[in-house]
C-alpha atoms as a PDB file:
ATOM      1  CA  MET A   1      33.326  93.548 312.486  1.00  0.00           C
ATOM      2  CA  SER A   2      36.274  95.593 313.758  1.00  0.00           C
ATOM      3  CA  GLN A   3      39.866  94.433 313.470  1.00  0.00           C
ATOM      4  CA  ILE A   4      43.222  95.264 315.008  1.00  0.00           C
ATOM      5  CA  THR A   5      45.924  96.604 312.733  1.00  0.00           C
ATOM      6  CA  GLU A   6      48.053  94.244 310.647  1.00  0.00           C
ATOM      7  CA  GLU A   7      51.108  95.200 312.698  1.00  0.00           C
ATOM      8  CA  GLN A   8      49.301  94.448 315.961  1.00  0.00           C
ATOM      9  CA  LEU A   9      48.071  91.121 314.578  1.00  0.00           C
ATOM     10  CA  LYS A  10      51.593  90.188 313.502  1.00  0.00           C
ATOM     11  CA  THR A  11      52.983  91.078 316.940  1.00  0.00           C
ATOM     12  CA  LEU A  12      50.201  89.134 318.667  1.00  0.00           C
ATOM     13  CA  GLN A  13      50.822  86.079 316.478  1.00  0.00           C
ATOM     14  CA  GLU A  14      54.581  86.241 317.126  1.00  0.00           C
ATOM     15  CA  LYS A  15      54.075  86.409 320.909  1.00  0.00           C
ATOM     16  CA  VAL A  16      51.565  83.543 320.954  1.00  0.00           C
ATOM     17  CA  GLY A  17      53.817  81.533 318.617  1.00  0.00           C
ATOM     18  CA  ALA A  18      56.805  82.112 320.890  1.00  0.00           C
ATOM     19  CA  ILE A  19      54.831  80.899 323.908  1.00  0.00           C
ATOM     20  CA  ASN A  20      53.605  77.826 322.017  1.00  0.00           C
ATOM     21  CA  ASN A  21      57.150  77.054 320.874  1.00  0.00           C
ATOM     22  CA  ALA A  22      58.512  77.392 324.418  1.00  0.00           C
ATOM     23  CA  GLN A  23      55.770  75.122 325.769  1.00  0.00           C
ATOM     24  CA  ALA A  24      56.571  72.505 323.130  1.00  0.00           C
ATOM     25  CA  GLN A  25      60.257  72.673 324.023  1.00  0.00           C
ATOM     26  CA  LEU A  26      59.427  72.318 327.729  1.00  0.00           C
ATOM     27  CA  GLY A  27      57.350  69.249 326.928  1.00  0.00           C
ATOM     28  CA  GLY A  28      60.296  67.749 325.069  1.00  0.00           C
ATOM     29  CA  LEU A  29      62.593  68.489 327.982  1.00  0.00           C
ATOM     30  CA  GLU A  30      60.149  66.845 330.405  1.00  0.00           C
ATOM     31  CA  ILE A  31      60.158  63.718 328.257  1.00  0.00           C
ATOM     32  CA  GLN A  32      63.979  63.697 328.242  1.00  0.00           C
ATOM     33  CA  LYS A  33      63.978  64.215 332.016  1.00  0.00           C
ATOM     34  CA  HIS A  34      61.596  61.292 332.502  1.00  0.00           C
ATOM     35  CA  GLN A  35      63.726  59.055 330.288  1.00  0.00           C
ATOM     36  CA  LEU A  36      66.913  60.028 332.125  1.00  0.00           C
ATOM     37  CA  LEU A  37      65.323  59.413 335.530  1.00  0.00           C
ATOM     38  CA  HIS A  38      64.240  55.968 334.336  1.00  0.00           C
ATOM     39  CA  GLN A  39      67.746  55.281 333.027  1.00  0.00           C
ATOM     40  CA  VAL A  40      69.344  56.345 336.318  1.00  0.00           C
ATOM     41  CA  GLY A  41      66.993  54.071 338.255  1.00  0.00           C
ATOM     42  CA  GLN A  42      67.817  51.158 335.986  1.00  0.00           C
ATOM     43  CA  VAL A  43      71.581  51.672 336.315  1.00  0.00           C
ATOM     44  CA  GLN A  44      71.243  52.016 340.105  1.00  0.00           C
ATOM     45  CA  GLY A  45      69.511  48.625 340.174  1.00  0.00           C
ATOM     46  CA  GLU A  46      72.272  47.114 338.048  1.00  0.00           C
ATOM     47  CA  LEU A  47      74.882  48.645 340.372  1.00  0.00           C
ATOM     48  CA  GLN A  48      73.216  47.091 343.425  1.00  0.00           C
ATOM     49  CA  GLU A  49      73.219  43.683 341.749  1.00  0.00           C
ATOM     50  CA  PHE A  50      76.900  44.064 340.834  1.00  0.00           C
ATOM     51  CA  GLN A  51      77.770  45.198 344.360  1.00  0.00           C
ATOM     52  CA  ALA A  52      76.072  42.048 345.694  1.00  0.00           C
ATOM     53  CA  GLU A  53      78.205  39.947 343.337  1.00  0.00           C
ATOM     54  CA  LEU A  54      81.375  41.717 344.509  1.00  0.00           C
ATOM     55  CA  GLU A  55      80.387  41.204 348.144  1.00  0.00           C
ATOM     56  CA  LYS A  56      79.914  37.458 347.525  1.00  0.00           C
ATOM     57  CA  GLU A  57      83.396  37.276 346.025  1.00  0.00           C
ATOM     58  CA  TYR A  58      85.350  39.650 348.309  1.00  0.00           C
ATOM     59  CA  GLY A  59      83.174  39.976 351.413  1.00  0.00           C
ATOM     60  CA  LYS A  60      82.283  43.331 352.898  1.00  0.00           C
ATOM     61  CA  VAL A  61      84.940  45.646 351.540  1.00  0.00           C
ATOM     62  CA  SER A  62      85.354  49.283 350.629  1.00  0.00           C
ATOM     63  CA  ILE A  63      86.512  49.580 347.021  1.00  0.00           C
ATOM     64  CA  ASN A  64      88.418  52.564 345.658  1.00  0.00           C
ATOM     65  CA  ILE A  65      86.764  53.212 342.288  1.00  0.00           C
ATOM     66  CA  GLN A  66      89.848  55.072 341.040  1.00  0.00           C
ATOM     67  CA  ASP A  67      92.359  52.219 341.231  1.00  0.00           C
ATOM     68  CA  GLY A  68      90.335  49.123 342.221  1.00  0.00           C
ATOM     69  CA  SER A  69      92.066  48.624 345.550  1.00  0.00           C
ATOM     70  CA  TYR A  70      89.931  47.507 348.457  1.00  0.00           C
ATOM     71  CA  GLU A  71      90.084  47.005 352.185  1.00  0.00           C
ATOM     72  CA  PRO A  72      87.790  45.196 354.572  1.00  0.00           C
ATOM     73  CA  ILE A  73      85.030  47.152 356.271  1.00  0.00           C
ATOM     74  CA  LYS A  74      85.384  46.923 360.011  1.00  0.00           C
ATOM     75  CA  GLU A  75      82.005  46.140 361.469  1.00  0.00           C
ATOM     76  CA  GLU A  76      81.233  47.719 364.787  1.00  0.00           C
ATOM     77  CA  GLU A  77      80.373  45.325 367.560  1.00  0.00           C
ATOM     78  CA  ASP A  78      76.937  45.503 369.089  1.00  0.00           C
ATOM     79  CA  VAL A  79      77.556  47.360 372.329  1.00  0.00           C
ATOM     80  CA  PRO A  80      74.659  47.630 374.756  1.00  0.00           C
ATOM     81  CA  VAL A  81      73.425  51.172 375.296  1.00  0.00           C
ATOM     82  CA  SER A  82      74.270  50.863 378.997  1.00  0.00           C
ATOM     83  CA  GLU A  83      77.916  50.279 378.066  1.00  0.00           C
ATOM     84  CA  LEU A  84      77.961  53.371 375.852  1.00  0.00           C
ATOM     85  CA  ALA A  85      76.727  55.497 378.731  1.00  0.00           C
ATOM     86  CA  LYS A  86      79.735  54.408 380.836  1.00  0.00           C
ATOM     87  CA  ALA A  87      82.249  55.464 378.215  1.00  0.00           C
END
């Protein structure tokens, strides 16, 4: 059986090893990504629940998340489309 040189074998092994290492790292990153996406979804759900609690207590308001101040949200009246066309 014929063989490649020791130097060629070493180079080949290094290149294949580098690819395998990179693929393993990518797999780890994909797992972290999946976990973070799950975490974001969970926190978004918690935020929606908390916003519902705040709305029960304060009504429909816009809250400044920097200083906690809030002001009522002005709801637009239902205006018939025919009225909008006249404006």
